[in-house]
Amino acid sequence: MEIGNKNNVTEFILHGLTQDKTVAKVCFSLFLAFYVAIILGNLLIILTIKTSEQLNSPMYFFLSSLSFVDISYSTVTAPKLIYDLLLERKTISFVGCIAQLFAGHFFGCTEIFLLTAMAYDRCMAICRPLHYTAIVNRHVCAWLLAASWVGAFVHSLVQTLLAMQLPFCGPNEIDHYFCDVHPLLKLACTDTYIIGVIVVANSGVISLSCFLVLLVSYAVILVTVRTRFSEGRLKALCTCSSHLTVVVLFLGPCIFIYLRPSTTFSADKMVSVFYTIVTPMLNPLIYTLRNEEVKKAMKTLWSRKE
């Protein structure tokens, strides 16, 4: 099927974050700095883990994968957002819009599944320490990573096919800074109630169910560490609190956006900025500031370069 053959729209006009030129210039500098920090911070995490012999546990395997996904996910929206802040007329082609929709949901859903896999890893490491290496071995890690990518692909494909089937007759103005399902549903010249329900069932339920699984996992961990000695308890709590912080920062906004009918709010754009740009930027800081092993590995990597 040829994309766009059922509508009169060949491009969309994005409203962007703001129409104020002064605010746009400030946002340009701010988000450019954020994006550079995302790239450098997450590349540093990947390089540190790949070159360190000490960081070879499943936790760091998943962390390096998460950093790669963070770079990819932010790249879907951030460069276009930054460039558009300098333009008065912000446009994106129909094909480009569909591609951005697919990539955004693909990498976003992969991140959700990876966070869930990381919670499973921590739960096994803390609750079943004697059997941990047998339970979470290399094959299990590879399968969990592959399942995350495949599951995200299926999810994103469903979202994209739903959007491609919609007829767009005009108007073609999207009140957002990137292409997403809810803003596109508002522009469709047909009844989108059923599709809206499918979107909530697809995106919203995935976000909420993974969030609940994560909360249960950490509840089990907290109950388990109560019986540990103080040093082991502190290390476990530091690791889990970092992970839980990332989960709340990422999944909280996702649930707000997708677990509701196909309506848009004025706050959606700022909430979206949080999980598409701010959280990928904060992840390297969250995972390194309270992780002595990563900090030592970074110091070793830096001393090698010197």
Protein backbone atom coordinates (compact mmCIF):
# COMPACT_ATOMS: atom_id res chain seq x y z
CA MET A 1 0.00 0.00 0.00
CA GLU A 2 1.33 3.43 -0.88
CA ILE A 3 1.64 5.71 2.14
CA GLY A 4 -0.60 8.74 1.91
CA ASN A 5 -2.78 7.52 -0.96
CA LYS A 6 -6.02 8.02 1.00
CA ASN A 7 -5.63 11.68 1.91
CA ASN A 8 -4.93 15.13 0.54
CA VAL A 9 -2.17 15.94 3.04
CA THR A 10 1.44 15.63 1.88
CA GLU A 11 2.98 17.46 4.84
CA PHE A 12 2.12 18.59 8.34
CA ILE A 13 2.80 21.94 10.01
CA LEU A 14 4.14 21.59 13.54
CA HIS A 15 3.31 24.28 16.10
CA GLY A 16 6.47 23.44 18.04
CA LEU A 17 7.08 24.26 21.67
CA THR A 18 6.54 28.00 21.47
CA GLN A 19 5.65 30.78 19.04
CA ASP A 20 7.59 33.39 21.02
CA LYS A 21 10.89 34.12 19.22
CA THR A 22 12.75 35.15 22.37
CA VAL A 23 11.67 32.03 24.23
CA ALA A 24 12.52 29.96 21.14
CA LYS A 25 16.11 31.25 21.15
CA VAL A 26 16.51 30.38 24.83
CA CYS A 27 15.01 26.93 24.21
CA PHE A 28 17.34 26.41 21.24
CA SER A 29 20.45 26.90 23.40
CA LEU A 30 18.99 24.87 26.26
CA PHE A 31 17.89 21.85 24.23
CA LEU A 32 21.07 21.88 22.14
CA ALA A 33 23.03 21.60 25.39
CA PHE A 34 20.68 18.85 26.57
CA TYR A 35 21.12 16.86 23.37
CA VAL A 36 24.92 17.14 23.47
CA ALA A 37 24.80 15.97 27.10
CA ILE A 38 22.61 13.01 26.10
CA ILE A 39 25.06 11.91 23.38
CA LEU A 40 28.24 12.40 25.41
CA GLY A 41 26.86 11.07 28.70
CA ASN A 42 25.38 7.89 27.26
CA LEU A 43 28.38 7.24 24.98
CA LEU A 44 30.59 7.52 28.07
CA ILE A 45 28.46 4.93 29.85
CA ILE A 46 28.67 2.55 26.87
CA LEU A 47 32.43 3.04 26.44
CA THR A 48 33.08 2.58 30.17
CA ILE A 49 31.10 -0.66 30.36
CA LYS A 50 32.56 -2.10 27.14
CA THR A 51 36.16 -1.42 28.17
CA SER A 52 35.93 -2.38 31.84
CA GLU A 53 36.56 -5.97 32.93
CA GLN A 54 34.82 -5.34 36.25
CA LEU A 55 31.52 -4.17 34.74
CA ASN A 56 30.56 -7.52 33.19
CA SER A 57 27.43 -8.36 35.19
CA PRO A 58 23.95 -8.51 33.60
CA MET A 59 23.06 -5.17 35.21
CA TYR A 60 25.73 -3.38 33.19
CA PHE A 61 24.85 -5.33 30.04
CA PHE A 62 21.32 -3.91 30.29
CA LEU A 63 22.63 -0.47 31.28
CA SER A 64 24.77 -0.18 28.15
CA SER A 65 21.76 -1.24 26.05
CA LEU A 66 19.64 1.37 27.83
CA SER A 67 22.20 4.06 27.03
CA PHE A 68 22.12 3.12 23.35
CA VAL A 69 18.31 3.28 23.35
CA ASP A 70 18.41 6.67 25.11
CA ILE A 71 20.65 8.09 22.37
CA SER A 72 18.41 6.66 19.65
CA TYR A 73 15.17 7.73 21.32
CA SER A 74 16.21 11.33 21.86
CA THR A 75 17.60 11.51 18.30
CA VAL A 76 14.12 10.77 16.94
CA THR A 77 12.77 14.11 18.22
CA ALA A 78 15.53 16.36 19.59
CA PRO A 79 17.39 17.38 16.37
CA LYS A 80 14.11 18.25 14.62
CA LEU A 81 12.91 20.19 17.68
CA ILE A 82 16.18 22.13 17.94
CA TYR A 83 16.22 22.97 14.22
CA ASP A 84 12.55 24.00 14.21
CA LEU A 85 13.11 26.46 17.07
CA LEU A 86 14.96 28.66 14.55
CA LEU A 87 12.18 28.49 11.93
CA GLU A 88 8.90 30.35 11.69
CA ARG A 89 7.24 27.64 9.60
CA LYS A 90 7.90 24.16 10.93
CA THR A 91 6.94 21.36 8.56
CA ILE A 92 7.36 17.62 8.25
CA SER A 93 6.40 15.44 5.30
CA PHE A 94 3.69 12.80 5.66
CA VAL A 95 6.26 10.01 5.23
CA GLY A 96 8.62 11.72 7.66
CA CYS A 97 5.80 12.03 10.18
CA ILE A 98 4.96 8.33 9.93
CA ALA A 99 8.65 7.41 10.24
CA GLN A 100 9.03 9.60 13.32
CA LEU A 101 5.93 8.04 14.84
CA PHE A 102 7.29 4.52 14.27
CA ALA A 103 10.80 5.28 15.57
CA GLY A 104 9.52 7.15 18.63
CA HIS A 105 7.27 4.31 19.75
CA PHE A 106 9.87 1.70 18.83
CA PHE A 107 12.67 3.12 20.97
CA GLY A 108 10.32 4.34 23.70
CA CYS A 109 8.73 0.92 24.11
CA THR A 110 12.15 -0.75 23.99
CA GLU A 111 13.20 1.44 26.91
CA ILE A 112 10.12 0.42 28.91
CA PHE A 113 10.83 -3.28 28.35
CA LEU A 114 14.52 -2.80 29.17
CA LEU A 115 13.68 -1.10 32.46
CA THR A 116 11.42 -4.05 33.27
CA ALA A 117 14.21 -6.52 32.42
CA MET A 118 16.59 -4.56 34.65
CA ALA A 119 14.10 -4.76 37.51
CA TYR A 120 13.92 -8.55 37.05
CA ASP A 121 17.73 -8.71 37.10
CA ARG A 122 17.94 -6.72 40.35
CA CYS A 123 15.16 -8.76 41.93
CA MET A 124 16.99 -12.02 41.21
CA ALA A 125 20.37 -10.60 42.30
CA ILE A 126 19.04 -9.46 45.68
CA CYS A 127 16.36 -12.08 46.41
CA ARG A 128 18.17 -15.14 45.00
CA PRO A 129 21.88 -14.26 45.33
CA LEU A 130 23.11 -17.89 45.51
CA HIS A 131 21.32 -18.86 42.29
CA TYR A 132 21.63 -15.49 40.53
CA THR A 133 24.36 -16.42 38.06
CA ALA A 134 22.47 -19.56 37.05
CA ILE A 135 19.11 -17.78 36.69
CA VAL A 136 20.29 -14.63 34.89
CA ASN A 137 23.02 -16.00 32.63
CA ARG A 138 24.20 -14.71 29.25
CA HIS A 139 21.54 -16.62 27.32
CA VAL A 140 18.76 -15.23 29.52
CA CYS A 141 20.12 -11.68 29.11
CA ALA A 142 20.28 -12.11 25.34
CA TRP A 143 16.71 -13.42 25.24
CA LEU A 144 15.42 -10.58 27.43
CA LEU A 145 17.14 -8.02 25.22
CA ALA A 146 15.82 -9.65 22.04
CA ALA A 147 12.30 -9.83 23.52
CA SER A 148 12.48 -6.10 24.34
CA TRP A 149 13.37 -5.20 20.75
CA VAL A 150 10.84 -7.57 19.16
CA GLY A 151 8.04 -6.56 21.53
CA ALA A 152 8.73 -2.88 20.85
CA PHE A 153 8.76 -3.49 17.10
CA VAL A 154 5.34 -5.18 17.21
CA HIS A 155 3.92 -2.40 19.36
CA SER A 156 5.31 0.33 17.10
CA LEU A 157 4.14 -1.45 13.96
CA VAL A 158 0.56 -1.53 15.29
CA GLN A 159 0.64 2.19 16.13
CA THR A 160 2.07 3.06 12.74
CA LEU A 161 -0.40 0.96 10.75
CA LEU A 162 -3.28 2.57 12.64
CA ALA A 163 -1.98 6.04 11.72
CA MET A 164 -1.39 5.08 8.07
CA GLN A 165 -4.99 3.92 7.68
CA LEU A 166 -6.42 7.29 8.75
CA PRO A 167 -7.69 9.69 6.06
CA PHE A 168 -6.34 13.26 6.37
CA CYS A 169 -8.26 15.91 4.43
CA GLY A 170 -7.10 19.00 6.30
CA PRO A 171 -6.32 20.94 8.37
CA ASN A 172 -2.75 19.72 8.60
CA GLU A 173 -1.48 21.61 11.69
CA ILE A 174 -0.20 19.48 14.57
CA ASP A 175 -0.18 21.19 17.96
CA HIS A 176 3.01 19.44 19.01
CA TYR A 177 6.75 19.44 18.26
CA PHE A 178 6.77 15.89 16.84
CA CYS A 179 4.37 13.39 15.29
CA ASP A 180 2.50 11.22 17.76
CA VAL A 181 -0.70 9.22 17.70
CA HIS A 182 -3.04 11.48 19.68
CA PRO A 183 -2.30 14.70 17.71
CA LEU A 184 -2.74 12.79 14.44
CA LEU A 185 -6.08 11.34 15.56
CA LYS A 186 -7.36 14.89 16.05
CA LEU A 187 -6.65 15.69 12.37
CA ALA A 188 -8.25 12.60 10.85
CA CYS A 189 -11.45 13.13 8.83
CA THR A 190 -13.23 10.16 10.32
CA ASP A 191 -14.48 8.85 13.64
CA THR A 192 -11.40 7.79 15.61
CA TYR A 193 -13.06 6.48 18.78
CA ILE A 194 -12.25 2.81 18.11
CA ILE A 195 -8.70 3.59 17.06
CA GLY A 196 -8.30 5.75 20.17
CA VAL A 197 -9.35 2.81 22.35
CA ILE A 198 -6.84 0.57 20.57
CA VAL A 199 -4.09 3.17 21.14
CA VAL A 200 -4.88 3.30 24.87
CA ALA A 201 -4.96 -0.49 25.03
CA ASN A 202 -1.66 -0.69 23.17
CA SER A 203 0.47 2.15 24.57
CA GLY A 204 -1.25 2.97 27.84
CA VAL A 205 -1.68 -0.57 29.08
CA ILE A 206 1.94 -1.44 28.25
CA SER A 207 3.18 1.57 30.23
CA LEU A 208 0.88 0.94 33.20
CA SER A 209 1.39 -2.84 33.36
CA CYS A 210 5.19 -2.52 33.19
CA PHE A 211 5.06 0.20 35.83
CA LEU A 212 3.03 -2.05 38.16
CA VAL A 213 5.41 -4.97 37.54
CA LEU A 214 8.32 -2.69 38.40
CA LEU A 215 6.66 -1.49 41.61
CA VAL A 216 5.95 -5.07 42.70
CA SER A 217 9.57 -6.04 41.95
CA TYR A 218 10.93 -3.24 44.10
CA ALA A 219 8.44 -3.98 46.86
CA VAL A 220 9.77 -7.56 46.93
CA ILE A 221 13.34 -6.22 47.00
CA LEU A 222 12.58 -3.86 49.90
CA VAL A 223 11.05 -6.68 51.91
CA THR A 224 14.07 -8.86 51.19
CA VAL A 225 16.76 -6.30 52.12
CA ARG A 226 15.22 -5.73 55.56
CA THR A 227 16.97 -8.89 56.75
CA ARG A 228 20.38 -7.99 55.27
CA PHE A 229 23.31 -6.47 57.11
CA SER A 230 23.65 -2.71 56.88
CA GLU A 231 26.37 -2.50 54.20
CA GLY A 232 24.68 -4.93 51.83
CA ARG A 233 21.32 -3.27 52.45
CA LEU A 234 22.75 0.17 51.65
CA LYS A 235 24.32 -1.01 48.37
CA ALA A 236 21.09 -2.72 47.30
CA LEU A 237 19.00 0.32 48.16
CA CYS A 238 21.35 2.69 46.29
CA THR A 239 21.19 0.58 43.13
CA CYS A 240 17.43 0.13 43.27
CA SER A 241 16.70 3.76 44.15
CA SER A 242 18.63 4.87 41.05
CA HIS A 243 16.67 2.47 38.87
CA LEU A 244 13.35 3.40 40.46
CA THR A 245 14.09 7.11 39.89
CA VAL A 246 14.56 6.46 36.17
CA VAL A 247 11.36 4.39 36.07
CA VAL A 248 9.26 7.14 37.67
CA LEU A 249 10.77 9.89 35.50
CA PHE A 250 10.17 7.96 32.29
CA LEU A 251 7.01 5.93 32.85
CA GLY A 252 5.13 8.58 34.84
CA PRO A 253 4.85 10.99 31.86
CA CYS A 254 4.19 8.08 29.46
CA ILE A 255 1.22 6.94 31.54
CA PHE A 256 -0.08 10.52 31.67
CA ILE A 257 0.12 10.85 27.86
CA TYR A 258 -1.10 7.46 26.68
CA LEU A 259 -3.42 6.07 29.36
CA ARG A 260 -6.37 8.26 28.44
CA PRO A 261 -8.77 8.82 25.53
CA SER A 262 -7.45 10.38 22.32
CA THR A 263 -7.46 13.94 23.60
CA THR A 264 -4.65 16.45 23.88
CA PHE A 265 -3.88 18.90 26.68
CA SER A 266 -1.80 22.07 26.70
CA ALA A 267 0.65 20.40 29.09
CA ASP A 268 1.33 17.48 26.74
CA LYS A 269 4.24 19.15 25.00
CA MET A 270 6.13 19.88 28.21
CA VAL A 271 5.39 16.42 29.58
CA SER A 272 6.69 14.92 26.32
CA VAL A 273 9.90 16.95 26.61
CA PHE A 274 10.45 15.26 29.94
CA TYR A 275 10.46 11.67 28.68
CA THR A 276 11.98 12.30 25.23
CA ILE A 277 14.85 14.62 26.24
CA VAL A 278 15.21 15.27 29.97
CA THR A 279 15.12 11.65 31.18
CA PRO A 280 17.67 10.37 28.59
CA MET A 281 19.95 13.22 29.69
CA LEU A 282 19.57 12.40 33.40
CA ASN A 283 20.00 8.62 33.09
CA PRO A 284 23.84 8.67 32.94
CA LEU A 285 23.96 10.96 35.99
CA ILE A 286 21.47 8.90 37.96
CA TYR A 287 23.29 5.64 37.27
CA THR A 288 26.82 6.95 37.90
CA LEU A 289 26.56 9.41 40.79
CA ARG A 290 25.52 6.68 43.25
CA ASN A 291 27.40 3.78 41.67
CA GLU A 292 30.96 3.43 42.93
CA GLU A 293 31.82 0.64 40.47
CA VAL A 294 30.96 2.79 37.45
CA LYS A 295 32.84 5.79 38.87
CA LYS A 296 35.95 3.68 39.48
CA ALA A 297 35.74 2.25 35.95
CA MET A 298 35.46 5.78 34.53
CA LYS A 299 38.54 6.88 36.49
CA THR A 300 40.44 3.86 35.14
CA LEU A 301 39.32 4.68 31.59
CA TRP A 302 40.41 8.30 32.02
CA SER A 303 43.83 7.29 33.43
CA ARG A 304 44.41 5.02 30.39
CA LYS A 305 43.86 7.92 28.04
CA GLU A 306 46.35 10.02 29.95
